[in-house]
Amino acid sequence: MNTRVVKIDPQNIDHEVLREAGALIRNGGLVAFPTETVYGLGANGLDPGAVKRIFQAKGRPSDNPLILHISRAEELDKLVEGISPTAERLIEEFWPGPLTLIFKKSSLVPEVVTAGLDTVAVRMPSHPVAMGMIRYAGVPVAAPSANLSGKPSPTRAEHVIKDLLGKVDMIIDSGSVMVGLESTVADITGGGVVVLRPGGITPEQLREVTGDVTVDPGLIPDGDTTIPKAPGMKYAHYSPDAQVIIIDGDMYKAADKIQRMAKDLESQGKRVGIMATEQTKALYKDAPVVSVGDRKRPYTIAANLFAVLREFDALGVDVILAEGVERQGVGLAVMNRLMKAASHNVVRV
């Protein structure tokens, strides 16, 4: 398949290209496009055949549900059985934005989108290119992240090109995304709000709008989640080619442990990379060191995480020793992704 790669400046949008992308989606094609979270791989969410092409292109297991993306709140009515007052408050506060809500699905939504579940995940992205493309498509757009299944999610178009060139019809290049982690997923089907996947909207922010918010204990689990109610809950994700080991605990104790582990691994012939922060990067010697961001501004860590994992692959390291971060605010989302990248391989200090 020939993949057309097009650049669209989000500050000066070429609407003719977006119309073409929307038409591709509407007619069964696959388009990789930017959102404020990560790049998504979109198909017509009402066309089972088109949705199946997403799974084929990504190598994604078919029992892993997808998110439907819409451009107007009114489009939600036909996709779900009902919209509760809680949902209305969250939509008013956080849409468009990086929040996915889980509803009871209507009969219009194909089972291939929901992996046979009676619920559907829906969000309205805030990226102007995503919003425009969905409007021109005229259908809800089913879209997981635009990467090969299991690899770090793409936050730049070059990540998409590396993984999916020749597998999709179009890739829209709009530069780097803002949030850098997939959307927060919240289940509202039980009356309260249960966070099933942390993201750019934190549990603390949700509680400010609706007090009844709980966090699924499996967000940073010790075992496997076997029934995926939200996208990304079941399978290994975000894994670079290198092995990832998290060293979690006091920042300076972790840095000391990482230096000792790096020497030991190098003596075994391993090439080691160290994922540090701005506060600790100067503490390390002799191994490739990449700062993932500033602990005082944890959103920088979220924005850079996936790109840094891919950067270590480009450096050709065998093992990545990564500092853990505090599980508060967006740090919960960072650790959720990092733990999956490491297959829960953690050294506590």
C-alpha atoms as a PDB file:
ATOM      1  CA  MET A   1       0.000   0.000   0.000  1.00  0.00           C
ATOM      2  CA  ASN A   2       1.197   3.495  -0.826  1.00  0.00           C
ATOM      3  CA  THR A   3       0.886   5.760   2.206  1.00  0.00           C
ATOM      4  CA  ARG A   4       0.471   9.463   1.546  1.00  0.00           C
ATOM      5  CA  VAL A   5       2.242  11.601   4.162  1.00  0.00           C
ATOM      6  CA  VAL A   6       0.939  15.167   4.391  1.00  0.00           C
ATOM      7  CA  LYS A   7       1.897  18.053   6.645  1.00  0.00           C
ATOM      8  CA  ILE A   8      -0.799  20.228   8.203  1.00  0.00           C
ATOM      9  CA  ASP A   9       0.069  23.232  10.336  1.00  0.00           C
ATOM     10  CA  PRO A  10      -2.474  23.240  13.201  1.00  0.00           C
ATOM     11  CA  GLN A  11      -2.205  27.042  13.260  1.00  0.00           C
ATOM     12  CA  ASN A  12      -2.909  27.355   9.517  1.00  0.00           C
ATOM     13  CA  ILE A  13      -5.025  24.347   8.555  1.00  0.00           C
ATOM     14  CA  ASP A  14      -5.294  23.203   4.936  1.00  0.00           C
ATOM     15  CA  HIS A  15      -8.977  22.260   4.860  1.00  0.00           C
ATOM     16  CA  GLU A  16      -8.748  20.642   1.436  1.00  0.00           C
ATOM     17  CA  VAL A  17      -6.385  18.027   2.856  1.00  0.00           C
ATOM     18  CA  LEU A  18      -8.655  17.530   5.852  1.00  0.00           C
ATOM     19  CA  ARG A  19     -11.630  17.031   3.522  1.00  0.00           C
ATOM     20  CA  GLU A  20      -9.639  14.372   1.694  1.00  0.00           C
ATOM     21  CA  ALA A  21      -8.733  12.691   4.983  1.00  0.00           C
ATOM     22  CA  GLY A  22     -12.366  12.796   6.097  1.00  0.00           C
ATOM     23  CA  ALA A  23     -13.477  11.230   2.823  1.00  0.00           C
ATOM     24  CA  LEU A  24     -10.901   8.448   3.215  1.00  0.00           C
ATOM     25  CA  ILE A  25     -12.271   7.697   6.678  1.00  0.00           C
ATOM     26  CA  ARG A  26     -15.889   7.792   5.539  1.00  0.00           C
ATOM     27  CA  ASN A  27     -15.158   5.415   2.648  1.00  0.00           C
ATOM     28  CA  GLY A  28     -13.327   2.768   4.665  1.00  0.00           C
ATOM     29  CA  GLY A  29      -9.719   4.003   4.627  1.00  0.00           C
ATOM     30  CA  LEU A  30      -7.193   4.345   7.442  1.00  0.00           C
ATOM     31  CA  VAL A  31      -5.769   7.749   8.417  1.00  0.00           C
ATOM     32  CA  ALA A  32      -3.178   8.405  11.123  1.00  0.00           C
ATOM     33  CA  PHE A  33      -3.817  11.815  12.636  1.00  0.00           C
ATOM     34  CA  PRO A  34      -2.653  13.988  15.548  1.00  0.00           C
ATOM     35  CA  THR A  35      -4.617  14.474  18.731  1.00  0.00           C
ATOM     36  CA  GLU A  36      -3.583  16.417  21.818  1.00  0.00           C
ATOM     37  CA  THR A  37      -2.684  13.116  23.539  1.00  0.00           C
ATOM     38  CA  VAL A  38      -0.904  10.883  20.982  1.00  0.00           C
ATOM     39  CA  TYR A  39      -1.277  10.217  17.269  1.00  0.00           C
ATOM     40  CA  GLY A  40      -4.318   8.063  16.495  1.00  0.00           C
ATOM     41  CA  LEU A  41      -5.081   5.569  13.728  1.00  0.00           C
ATOM     42  CA  GLY A  42      -8.595   6.338  12.546  1.00  0.00           C
ATOM     43  CA  ALA A  43     -11.283   4.435  10.653  1.00  0.00           C
ATOM     44  CA  ASN A  44     -15.039   4.768  10.199  1.00  0.00           C
ATOM     45  CA  GLY A  45     -16.347   3.629  13.572  1.00  0.00           C
ATOM     46  CA  LEU A  46     -19.662   2.511  12.079  1.00  0.00           C
ATOM     47  CA  ASP A  47     -18.034   0.317   9.393  1.00  0.00           C
ATOM     48  CA  PRO A  48     -16.975  -3.077  10.830  1.00  0.00           C
ATOM     49  CA  GLY A  49     -14.762  -3.815   7.833  1.00  0.00           C
ATOM     50  CA  ALA A  50     -12.867  -0.557   8.185  1.00  0.00           C
ATOM     51  CA  VAL A  51     -12.443  -1.084  11.934  1.00  0.00           C
ATOM     52  CA  LYS A  52     -10.992  -4.555  11.308  1.00  0.00           C
ATOM     53  CA  ARG A  53      -8.327  -2.896   9.142  1.00  0.00           C
ATOM     54  CA  ILE A  54      -7.122  -1.020  12.256  1.00  0.00           C
ATOM     55  CA  PHE A  55      -6.449  -4.302  14.049  1.00  0.00           C
ATOM     56  CA  GLN A  56      -4.664  -5.701  10.993  1.00  0.00           C
ATOM     57  CA  ALA A  57      -2.442  -2.646  10.480  1.00  0.00           C
ATOM     58  CA  LYS A  58      -1.410  -2.480  14.124  1.00  0.00           C
ATOM     59  CA  GLY A  59      -1.252  -6.210  14.824  1.00  0.00           C
ATOM     60  CA  ARG A  60      -3.679  -5.446  17.661  1.00  0.00           C
ATOM     61  CA  PRO A  61      -5.635  -8.246  19.356  1.00  0.00           C
ATOM     62  CA  SER A  62      -9.302  -8.072  18.386  1.00  0.00           C
ATOM     63  CA  ASP A  63     -10.501  -8.412  21.992  1.00  0.00           C
ATOM     64  CA  ASN A  64      -8.990  -5.029  22.899  1.00  0.00           C
ATOM     65  CA  PRO A  65     -11.753  -2.377  22.560  1.00  0.00           C
ATOM     66  CA  LEU A  66     -11.369   0.935  20.727  1.00  0.00           C
ATOM     67  CA  ILE A  67     -12.376   4.530  21.465  1.00  0.00           C
ATOM     68  CA  LEU A  68     -14.861   6.362  19.263  1.00  0.00           C
ATOM     69  CA  HIS A  69     -13.887   9.988  18.584  1.00  0.00           C
ATOM     70  CA  ILE A  70     -16.537  12.634  17.901  1.00  0.00           C
ATOM     71  CA  SER A  71     -16.395  16.340  17.069  1.00  0.00           C
ATOM     72  CA  ARG A  72     -19.650  17.562  18.681  1.00  0.00           C
ATOM     73  CA  ALA A  73     -21.368  16.558  21.916  1.00  0.00           C
ATOM     74  CA  GLU A  74     -24.649  16.063  20.032  1.00  0.00           C
ATOM     75  CA  GLU A  75     -23.089  13.142  18.154  1.00  0.00           C
ATOM     76  CA  LEU A  76     -22.980  11.195  21.427  1.00  0.00           C
ATOM     77  CA  ASP A  77     -26.755  10.659  21.595  1.00  0.00           C
ATOM     78  CA  LYS A  78     -26.907   8.040  18.833  1.00  0.00           C
ATOM     79  CA  LEU A  79     -23.920   6.081  20.160  1.00  0.00           C
ATOM     80  CA  VAL A  80     -25.027   5.528  23.780  1.00  0.00           C
ATOM     81  CA  GLU A  81     -28.141   4.446  25.621  1.00  0.00           C
ATOM     82  CA  GLY A  82     -28.249   7.448  27.943  1.00  0.00           C
ATOM     83  CA  ILE A  83     -26.265  10.387  29.292  1.00  0.00           C
ATOM     84  CA  SER A  84     -26.346  10.752  33.067  1.00  0.00           C
ATOM     85  CA  PRO A  85     -26.077  14.040  34.995  1.00  0.00           C
ATOM     86  CA  THR A  86     -22.549  12.957  36.005  1.00  0.00           C
ATOM     87  CA  ALA A  87     -21.624  12.507  32.359  1.00  0.00           C
ATOM     88  CA  GLU A  88     -23.095  15.896  31.499  1.00  0.00           C
ATOM     89  CA  ARG A  89     -20.977  17.606  34.162  1.00  0.00           C
ATOM     90  CA  LEU A  90     -17.785  15.899  32.983  1.00  0.00           C
ATOM     91  CA  ILE A  91     -18.528  16.661  29.335  1.00  0.00           C
ATOM     92  CA  GLU A  92     -19.195  20.309  30.148  1.00  0.00           C
ATOM     93  CA  GLU A  93     -15.907  20.619  32.038  1.00  0.00           C
ATOM     94  CA  PHE A  94     -13.484  18.445  30.055  1.00  0.00           C
ATOM     95  CA  TRP A  95     -14.695  18.094  26.450  1.00  0.00           C
ATOM     96  CA  PRO A  96     -13.073  18.689  24.094  1.00  0.00           C
ATOM     97  CA  GLY A  97      -9.997  17.283  25.826  1.00  0.00           C
ATOM     98  CA  PRO A  98      -8.109  14.196  26.973  1.00  0.00           C
ATOM     99  CA  LEU A  99     -10.986  12.463  28.778  1.00  0.00           C
ATOM    100  CA  THR A 100     -12.677   9.288  27.503  1.00  0.00           C
ATOM    101  CA  LEU A 101     -15.998   8.303  29.058  1.00  0.00           C
ATOM    102  CA  ILE A 102     -17.478   4.798  29.051  1.00  0.00           C
ATOM    103  CA  PHE A 103     -21.226   4.517  28.426  1.00  0.00           C
ATOM    104  CA  LYS A 104     -23.709   1.745  27.763  1.00  0.00           C
ATOM    105  CA  LYS A 105     -23.578   1.433  23.983  1.00  0.00           C
ATOM    106  CA  SER A 106     -26.439   1.760  21.517  1.00  0.00           C
ATOM    107  CA  SER A 107     -27.193  -0.839  18.857  1.00  0.00           C
ATOM    108  CA  LEU A 108     -25.581   1.448  16.260  1.00  0.00           C
ATOM    109  CA  VAL A 109     -22.063   0.705  17.543  1.00  0.00           C
ATOM    110  CA  PRO A 110     -20.502  -2.388  15.922  1.00  0.00           C
ATOM    111  CA  GLU A 111     -19.305  -5.146  18.266  1.00  0.00           C
ATOM    112  CA  VAL A 112     -15.845  -5.064  16.670  1.00  0.00           C
ATOM    113  CA  VAL A 113     -15.370  -1.585  18.197  1.00  0.00           C
ATOM    114  CA  THR A 114     -16.279  -2.691  21.733  1.00  0.00           C
ATOM    115  CA  ALA A 115     -14.763  -6.198  21.607  1.00  0.00           C
ATOM    116  CA  GLY A 116     -18.246  -7.585  22.283  1.00  0.00           C
ATOM    117  CA  LEU A 117     -18.811  -5.539  25.439  1.00  0.00           C
ATOM    118  CA  ASP A 118     -22.105  -3.757  26.102  1.00  0.00           C
ATOM    119  CA  THR A 119     -20.218  -0.515  26.742  1.00  0.00           C
ATOM    120  CA  VAL A 120     -18.492   1.950  24.433  1.00  0.00           C
ATOM    121  CA  ALA A 121     -15.657   4.416  25.087  1.00  0.00           C
ATOM    122  CA  VAL A 122     -16.126   7.892  23.573  1.00  0.00           C
ATOM    123  CA  ARG A 123     -14.129  11.111  23.596  1.00  0.00           C
ATOM    124  CA  MET A 124     -13.945  14.464  21.844  1.00  0.00           C
ATOM    125  CA  PRO A 125     -10.333  15.461  21.109  1.00  0.00           C
ATOM    126  CA  SER A 126      -9.272  19.092  21.349  1.00  0.00           C
ATOM    127  CA  HIS A 127      -6.596  19.084  18.620  1.00  0.00           C
ATOM    128  CA  PRO A 128      -7.882  21.292  15.765  1.00  0.00           C
ATOM    129  CA  VAL A 129      -6.660  18.893  13.068  1.00  0.00           C
ATOM    130  CA  ALA A 130      -8.404  15.934  14.714  1.00  0.00           C
ATOM    131  CA  MET A 131     -11.599  17.928  15.215  1.00  0.00           C
ATOM    132  CA  GLY A 132     -11.627  19.105  11.615  1.00  0.00           C
ATOM    133  CA  MET A 133     -10.970  15.665  10.164  1.00  0.00           C
ATOM    134  CA  ILE A 134     -13.756  14.078  12.221  1.00  0.00           C
ATOM    135  CA  ARG A 135     -16.206  16.786  11.132  1.00  0.00           C
ATOM    136  CA  TYR A 136     -15.358  16.243   7.468  1.00  0.00           C
ATOM    137  CA  ALA A 137     -15.622  12.465   7.915  1.00  0.00           C
ATOM    138  CA  GLY A 138     -19.191  12.863   9.163  1.00  0.00           C
ATOM    139  CA  VAL A 139     -18.946   9.647  11.195  1.00  0.00           C
ATOM    140  CA  PRO A 140     -17.532   8.727  14.609  1.00  0.00           C
ATOM    141  CA  VAL A 141     -13.876   7.783  14.175  1.00  0.00           C
ATOM    142  CA  ALA A 142     -12.611   4.628  15.874  1.00  0.00           C
ATOM    143  CA  ALA A 143      -8.979   5.215  16.770  1.00  0.00           C
ATOM    144  CA  PRO A 144      -6.356   3.610  18.989  1.00  0.00           C
ATOM    145  CA  SER A 145      -2.800   4.952  19.039  1.00  0.00           C
ATOM    146  CA  ALA A 146      -1.067   4.924  15.631  1.00  0.00           C
ATOM    147  CA  ASN A 147       1.738   2.511  16.463  1.00  0.00           C
ATOM    148  CA  LEU A 148       2.464  -1.177  16.089  1.00  0.00           C
ATOM    149  CA  SER A 149       0.739  -2.984  18.929  1.00  0.00           C
ATOM    150  CA  GLY A 150       2.893  -3.142  22.049  1.00  0.00           C
ATOM    151  CA  LYS A 151       5.327  -0.408  20.992  1.00  0.00           C
ATOM    152  CA  PRO A 152       5.576   3.057  22.603  1.00  0.00           C
ATOM    153  CA  SER A 153       2.715   5.272  21.519  1.00  0.00           C
ATOM    154  CA  PRO A 154       3.570   7.878  18.855  1.00  0.00           C
ATOM    155  CA  THR A 155       3.893  11.494  19.900  1.00  0.00           C
ATOM    156  CA  ARG A 156       5.494  12.669  16.642  1.00  0.00           C
ATOM    157  CA  ALA A 157       4.673  11.866  13.029  1.00  0.00           C
ATOM    158  CA  GLU A 158       8.056  10.219  12.495  1.00  0.00           C
ATOM    159  CA  HIS A 159       7.075   7.588  15.082  1.00  0.00           C
ATOM    160  CA  VAL A 160       3.958   6.802  13.026  1.00  0.00           C
ATOM    161  CA  ILE A 161       5.938   6.683   9.797  1.00  0.00           C
ATOM    162  CA  LYS A 162       8.418   4.226  11.320  1.00  0.00           C
ATOM    163  CA  ASP A 163       5.653   1.872  12.475  1.00  0.00           C
ATOM    164  CA  LEU A 164       2.888   2.171   9.877  1.00  0.00           C
ATOM    165  CA  LEU A 165       4.255   3.423   6.546  1.00  0.00           C
ATOM    166  CA  GLY A 166       2.816   1.145   3.868  1.00  0.00           C
ATOM    167  CA  LYS A 167       0.075  -0.119   6.188  1.00  0.00           C
ATOM    168  CA  VAL A 168      -2.317   2.889   6.121  1.00  0.00           C
ATOM    169  CA  ASP A 169      -3.731   5.229   3.484  1.00  0.00           C
ATOM    170  CA  MET A 170      -2.625   8.574   4.921  1.00  0.00           C
ATOM    171  CA  ILE A 171      -0.464   9.971   7.715  1.00  0.00           C
ATOM    172  CA  ILE A 172      -1.092  13.574   8.764  1.00  0.00           C
ATOM    173  CA  ASP A 173       2.044  15.224  10.187  1.00  0.00           C
ATOM    174  CA  SER A 174       1.256  18.085  12.568  1.00  0.00           C
ATOM    175  CA  GLY A 175       4.417  17.969  14.663  1.00  0.00           C
ATOM    176  CA  SER A 176       4.630  16.969  18.314  1.00  0.00           C
ATOM    177  CA  VAL A 177       1.534  16.446  20.441  1.00  0.00           C
ATOM    178  CA  MET A 178       0.930  18.295  23.710  1.00  0.00           C
ATOM    179  CA  VAL A 179      -0.098  15.806  26.418  1.00  0.00           C
ATOM    180  CA  GLY A 180       2.033  12.841  25.350  1.00  0.00           C
ATOM    181  CA  LEU A 181      -0.020  10.131  27.113  1.00  0.00           C
ATOM    182  CA  GLU A 182      -3.311   8.620  26.021  1.00  0.00           C
ATOM    183  CA  SER A 183      -6.537  10.032  27.409  1.00  0.00           C
ATOM    184  CA  THR A 184      -7.865   9.341  30.873  1.00  0.00           C
ATOM    185  CA  VAL A 185     -10.566   6.640  30.687  1.00  0.00           C
ATOM    186  CA  ALA A 186     -13.413   6.897  33.201  1.00  0.00           C
ATOM    187  CA  ASP A 187     -16.267   4.409  33.580  1.00  0.00           C
ATOM    188  CA  ILE A 188     -19.524   6.172  34.464  1.00  0.00           C
ATOM    189  CA  THR A 189     -21.882   3.233  33.910  1.00  0.00           C
ATOM    190  CA  GLY A 190     -22.187   2.419  37.619  1.00  0.00           C
ATOM    191  CA  GLY A 191     -23.374   5.798  38.861  1.00  0.00           C
ATOM    192  CA  GLY A 192     -20.037   7.039  40.178  1.00  0.00           C
ATOM    193  CA  VAL A 193     -16.789   7.578  38.289  1.00  0.00           C
ATOM    194  CA  VAL A 194     -14.119   4.869  38.138  1.00  0.00           C
ATOM    195  CA  VAL A 195     -10.790   5.760  36.529  1.00  0.00           C
ATOM    196  CA  LEU A 196      -9.726   2.759  34.448  1.00  0.00           C
ATOM    197  CA  ARG A 197      -6.771   4.425  32.726  1.00  0.00           C
ATOM    198  CA  PRO A 198      -5.007   7.536  34.033  1.00  0.00           C
ATOM    199  CA  GLY A 199      -4.034  10.275  31.616  1.00  0.00           C
ATOM    200  CA  GLY A 200      -3.868  14.045  31.200  1.00  0.00           C
ATOM    201  CA  ILE A 201      -7.024  14.597  33.282  1.00  0.00           C
ATOM    202  CA  THR A 202      -6.138  13.492  36.816  1.00  0.00           C
ATOM    203  CA  PRO A 203      -8.401  11.874  39.419  1.00  0.00           C
ATOM    204  CA  GLU A 204      -7.982  15.040  41.477  1.00  0.00           C
ATOM    205  CA  GLN A 205      -9.396  17.136  38.630  1.00  0.00           C
ATOM    206  CA  LEU A 206     -12.338  14.767  38.204  1.00  0.00           C
ATOM    207  CA  ARG A 207     -13.137  14.994  41.916  1.00  0.00           C
ATOM    208  CA  GLU A 208     -13.404  18.763  41.659  1.00  0.00           C
ATOM    209  CA  VAL A 209     -16.322  18.267  39.266  1.00  0.00           C
ATOM    210  CA  THR A 210     -17.945  15.170  40.727  1.00  0.00           C
ATOM    211  CA  GLY A 211     -16.907  13.952  44.151  1.00  0.00           C
ATOM    212  CA  ASP A 212     -17.652  10.248  43.651  1.00  0.00           C
ATOM    213  CA  VAL A 213     -14.395   9.243  41.949  1.00  0.00           C
ATOM    214  CA  THR A 214     -12.460   6.040  42.602  1.00  0.00           C
ATOM    215  CA  VAL A 215      -9.298   4.758  40.986  1.00  0.00           C
ATOM    216  CA  ASP A 216      -9.158   1.182  39.744  1.00  0.00           C
ATOM    217  CA  PRO A 217      -6.584  -0.661  41.886  1.00  0.00           C
ATOM    218  CA  GLY A 218      -5.308  -2.405  38.762  1.00  0.00           C
ATOM    219  CA  LEU A 219      -3.873   0.791  37.260  1.00  0.00           C
ATOM    220  CA  ILE A 220      -0.425  -0.228  38.439  1.00  0.00           C
ATOM    221  CA  PRO A 221      -1.189  -3.935  38.944  1.00  0.00           C
ATOM    222  CA  ASP A 222       0.922  -6.789  40.178  1.00  0.00           C
ATOM    223  CA  GLY A 223      -0.905  -9.265  37.948  1.00  0.00           C
ATOM    224  CA  ASP A 224      -2.730  -9.379  34.611  1.00  0.00           C
ATOM    225  CA  THR A 225      -6.092  -7.787  33.898  1.00  0.00           C
ATOM    226  CA  THR A 226      -8.111 -10.431  32.074  1.00  0.00           C
ATOM    227  CA  ILE A 227     -11.336  -8.598  31.157  1.00  0.00           C
ATOM    228  CA  PRO A 228     -10.454  -5.310  29.431  1.00  0.00           C
ATOM    229  CA  LYS A 229     -13.243  -2.785  29.976  1.00  0.00           C
ATOM    230  CA  ALA A 230     -11.064   0.064  28.767  1.00  0.00           C
ATOM    231  CA  PRO A 231      -8.617   0.206  25.855  1.00  0.00           C
ATOM    232  CA  GLY A 232      -5.101  -0.785  26.877  1.00  0.00           C
ATOM    233  CA  MET A 233      -5.974  -2.640  30.090  1.00  0.00           C
ATOM    234  CA  LYS A 234      -5.171  -6.186  28.988  1.00  0.00           C
ATOM    235  CA  TYR A 235      -2.075  -6.400  26.815  1.00  0.00           C
ATOM    236  CA  ALA A 236       1.560  -5.394  27.165  1.00  0.00           C
ATOM    237  CA  HIS A 237       2.050  -1.847  25.933  1.00  0.00           C
ATOM    238  CA  TYR A 238       4.617   0.853  25.313  1.00  0.00           C
ATOM    239  CA  SER A 239       7.576  -1.554  25.182  1.00  0.00           C
ATOM    240  CA  PRO A 240      10.770  -0.444  23.445  1.00  0.00           C
ATOM    241  CA  ASP A 241      13.168  -3.023  22.010  1.00  0.00           C
ATOM    242  CA  ALA A 242      15.355  -2.690  25.116  1.00  0.00           C
ATOM    243  CA  GLN A 243      14.482  -4.202  28.478  1.00  0.00           C
ATOM    244  CA  VAL A 244      13.162  -1.599  30.911  1.00  0.00           C
ATOM    245  CA  ILE A 245      13.840  -1.746  34.660  1.00  0.00           C
ATOM    246  CA  ILE A 246      12.291   0.822  36.993  1.00  0.00           C
ATOM    247  CA  ILE A 247      14.184   1.873  40.119  1.00  0.00           C
ATOM    248  CA  ASP A 248      11.541   3.307  42.405  1.00  0.00           C
ATOM    249  CA  GLY A 249      11.957   5.206  45.653  1.00  0.00           C
ATOM    250  CA  ASP A 250      13.840   8.170  47.036  1.00  0.00           C
ATOM    251  CA  MET A 251      15.348  10.124  44.141  1.00  0.00           C
ATOM    252  CA  TYR A 252      18.929  10.035  45.407  1.00  0.00           C
ATOM    253  CA  LYS A 253      18.804   6.439  46.599  1.00  0.00           C
ATOM    254  CA  ALA A 254      17.426   5.491  43.198  1.00  0.00           C
ATOM    255  CA  ALA A 255      20.258   7.333  41.422  1.00  0.00           C
ATOM    256  CA  ASP A 256      22.846   5.531  43.535  1.00  0.00           C
ATOM    257  CA  LYS A 257      21.234   2.158  42.828  1.00  0.00           C
ATOM    258  CA  ILE A 258      21.049   2.900  39.107  1.00  0.00           C
ATOM    259  CA  GLN A 259      24.768   3.709  38.955  1.00  0.00           C
ATOM    260  CA  ARG A 260      25.632   0.431  40.660  1.00  0.00           C
ATOM    261  CA  MET A 261      23.248  -1.554  38.453  1.00  0.00           C
ATOM    262  CA  ALA A 262      24.636   0.102  35.331  1.00  0.00           C
ATOM    263  CA  LYS A 263      28.195  -0.927  36.192  1.00  0.00           C
ATOM    264  CA  ASP A 264      27.109  -4.493  36.880  1.00  0.00           C
ATOM    265  CA  LEU A 265      25.150  -4.759  33.616  1.00  0.00           C
ATOM    266  CA  GLU A 266      27.983  -3.233  31.609  1.00  0.00           C
ATOM    267  CA  SER A 267      30.376  -5.790  33.086  1.00  0.00           C
ATOM    268  CA  GLN A 268      28.048  -8.422  31.587  1.00  0.00           C
ATOM    269  CA  GLY A 269      28.473  -6.841  28.155  1.00  0.00           C
ATOM    270  CA  LYS A 270      25.143  -4.997  28.197  1.00  0.00           C
ATOM    271  CA  ARG A 271      24.775  -1.515  26.737  1.00  0.00           C
ATOM    272  CA  VAL A 272      22.858   0.533  29.317  1.00  0.00           C
ATOM    273  CA  GLY A 273      20.812   3.693  28.964  1.00  0.00           C
ATOM    274  CA  ILE A 274      19.604   5.753  31.926  1.00  0.00           C
ATOM    275  CA  MET A 275      16.249   7.551  31.934  1.00  0.00           C
ATOM    276  CA  ALA A 276      16.819  10.406  34.374  1.00  0.00           C
ATOM    277  CA  THR A 277      15.074  13.671  35.231  1.00  0.00           C
ATOM    278  CA  GLU A 278      16.353  17.240  35.181  1.00  0.00           C
ATOM    279  CA  GLN A 279      17.013  16.939  38.921  1.00  0.00           C
ATOM    280  CA  THR A 280      19.252  13.867  38.593  1.00  0.00           C
ATOM    281  CA  LYS A 281      20.807  13.761  35.126  1.00  0.00           C
ATOM    282  CA  ALA A 282      24.111  15.260  36.327  1.00  0.00           C
ATOM    283  CA  LEU A 283      24.525  12.437  38.875  1.00  0.00           C
ATOM    284  CA  TYR A 284      25.221   9.794  36.240  1.00  0.00           C
ATOM    285  CA  LYS A 285      28.485   8.993  34.502  1.00  0.00           C
ATOM    286  CA  ASP A 286      29.653   6.753  31.651  1.00  0.00           C
ATOM    287  CA  ALA A 287      26.246   5.603  30.281  1.00  0.00           C
ATOM    288  CA  PRO A 288      23.946   7.340  27.795  1.00  0.00           C
ATOM    289  CA  VAL A 289      21.662   9.538  29.897  1.00  0.00           C
ATOM    290  CA  VAL A 290      18.410  11.085  28.640  1.00  0.00           C
ATOM    291  CA  SER A 291      16.286  13.394  30.773  1.00  0.00           C
ATOM    292  CA  VAL A 292      12.574  12.632  30.485  1.00  0.00           C
ATOM    293  CA  GLY A 293      11.539  15.921  32.115  1.00  0.00           C
ATOM    294  CA  ASP A 294      11.327  18.002  35.257  1.00  0.00           C
ATOM    295  CA  ARG A 295       9.944  16.472  38.468  1.00  0.00           C
ATOM    296  CA  LYS A 296       8.648  19.905  39.468  1.00  0.00           C
ATOM    297  CA  ARG A 297       6.651  20.003  36.215  1.00  0.00           C
ATOM    298  CA  PRO A 298       5.428  16.411  35.846  1.00  0.00           C
ATOM    299  CA  TYR A 299       3.490  17.206  32.667  1.00  0.00           C
ATOM    300  CA  THR A 300       6.877  17.520  30.953  1.00  0.00           C
ATOM    301  CA  ILE A 301       7.634  13.925  31.920  1.00  0.00           C
ATOM    302  CA  ALA A 302       4.294  12.784  30.511  1.00  0.00           C
ATOM    303  CA  ALA A 303       4.895  14.683  27.266  1.00  0.00           C
ATOM    304  CA  ASN A 304       8.356  13.170  26.735  1.00  0.00           C
ATOM    305  CA  LEU A 305       7.997   9.597  28.028  1.00  0.00           C
ATOM    306  CA  PHE A 306       7.164   7.716  24.832  1.00  0.00           C
ATOM    307  CA  ALA A 307       9.590   9.733  22.694  1.00  0.00           C
ATOM    308  CA  VAL A 308      12.408   9.013  25.154  1.00  0.00           C
ATOM    309  CA  LEU A 309      11.666   5.271  25.094  1.00  0.00           C
ATOM    310  CA  ARG A 310      11.956   5.384  21.303  1.00  0.00           C
ATOM    311  CA  GLU A 311      15.132   7.477  21.572  1.00  0.00           C
ATOM    312  CA  PHE A 312      16.819   4.734  23.583  1.00  0.00           C
ATOM    313  CA  ASP A 313      15.965   2.247  20.836  1.00  0.00           C
ATOM    314  CA  ALA A 314      17.669   4.571  18.352  1.00  0.00           C
ATOM    315  CA  LEU A 315      20.729   4.593  20.650  1.00  0.00           C
ATOM    316  CA  GLY A 316      20.826   0.798  20.499  1.00  0.00           C
ATOM    317  CA  VAL A 317      20.843   0.113  24.241  1.00  0.00           C
ATOM    318  CA  ASP A 318      20.020  -3.323  25.661  1.00  0.00           C
ATOM    319  CA  VAL A 319      18.688  -2.176  29.033  1.00  0.00           C
ATOM    320  CA  ILE A 320      16.984   1.062  30.131  1.00  0.00           C
ATOM    321  CA  LEU A 321      17.276   1.899  33.833  1.00  0.00           C
ATOM    322  CA  ALA A 322      14.437   4.305  34.569  1.00  0.00           C
ATOM    323  CA  GLU A 323      13.757   6.388  37.657  1.00  0.00           C
ATOM    324  CA  GLY A 324      10.277   6.075  39.103  1.00  0.00           C
ATOM    325  CA  VAL A 325       8.221   9.202  39.842  1.00  0.00           C
ATOM    326  CA  GLU A 326       5.620  10.049  42.446  1.00  0.00           C
ATOM    327  CA  ARG A 327       2.184   8.544  41.791  1.00  0.00           C
ATOM    328  CA  GLN A 328       0.320  11.802  42.261  1.00  0.00           C
ATOM    329  CA  GLY A 329      -1.484  13.890  39.659  1.00  0.00           C
ATOM    330  CA  VAL A 330      -0.250  13.047  36.189  1.00  0.00           C
ATOM    331  CA  GLY A 331       2.555  11.025  37.800  1.00  0.00           C
ATOM    332  CA  LEU A 332       0.016   8.220  38.250  1.00  0.00           C
ATOM    333  CA  ALA A 333      -0.408   8.071  34.467  1.00  0.00           C
ATOM    334  CA  VAL A 334       3.359   8.201  33.893  1.00  0.00           C
ATOM    335  CA  MET A 335       3.960   5.283  36.245  1.00  0.00           C
ATOM    336  CA  ASN A 336       1.075   3.317  34.744  1.00  0.00           C
ATOM    337  CA  ARG A 337       2.695   3.525  31.292  1.00  0.00           C
ATOM    338  CA  LEU A 338       6.226   3.034  32.564  1.00  0.00           C
ATOM    339  CA  MET A 339       5.240  -0.066  34.541  1.00  0.00           C
ATOM    340  CA  LYS A 340       3.696  -1.572  31.406  1.00  0.00           C
ATOM    341  CA  ALA A 341       6.808  -0.726  29.387  1.00  0.00           C
ATOM    342  CA  ALA A 342       8.873  -2.510  32.037  1.00  0.00           C
ATOM    343  CA  SER A 343       6.482  -5.503  32.292  1.00  0.00           C
ATOM    344  CA  HIS A 344       6.277  -4.550  35.994  1.00  0.00           C
ATOM    345  CA  ASN A 345      10.026  -5.137  36.476  1.00  0.00           C
ATOM    346  CA  VAL A 346      10.665  -2.845  39.458  1.00  0.00           C
ATOM    347  CA  VAL A 347      13.515  -2.505  41.948  1.00  0.00           C
ATOM    348  CA  ARG A 348      12.428  -0.623  45.074  1.00  0.00           C
ATOM    349  CA  VAL A 349      14.934   1.347  47.125  1.00  0.00           C
END
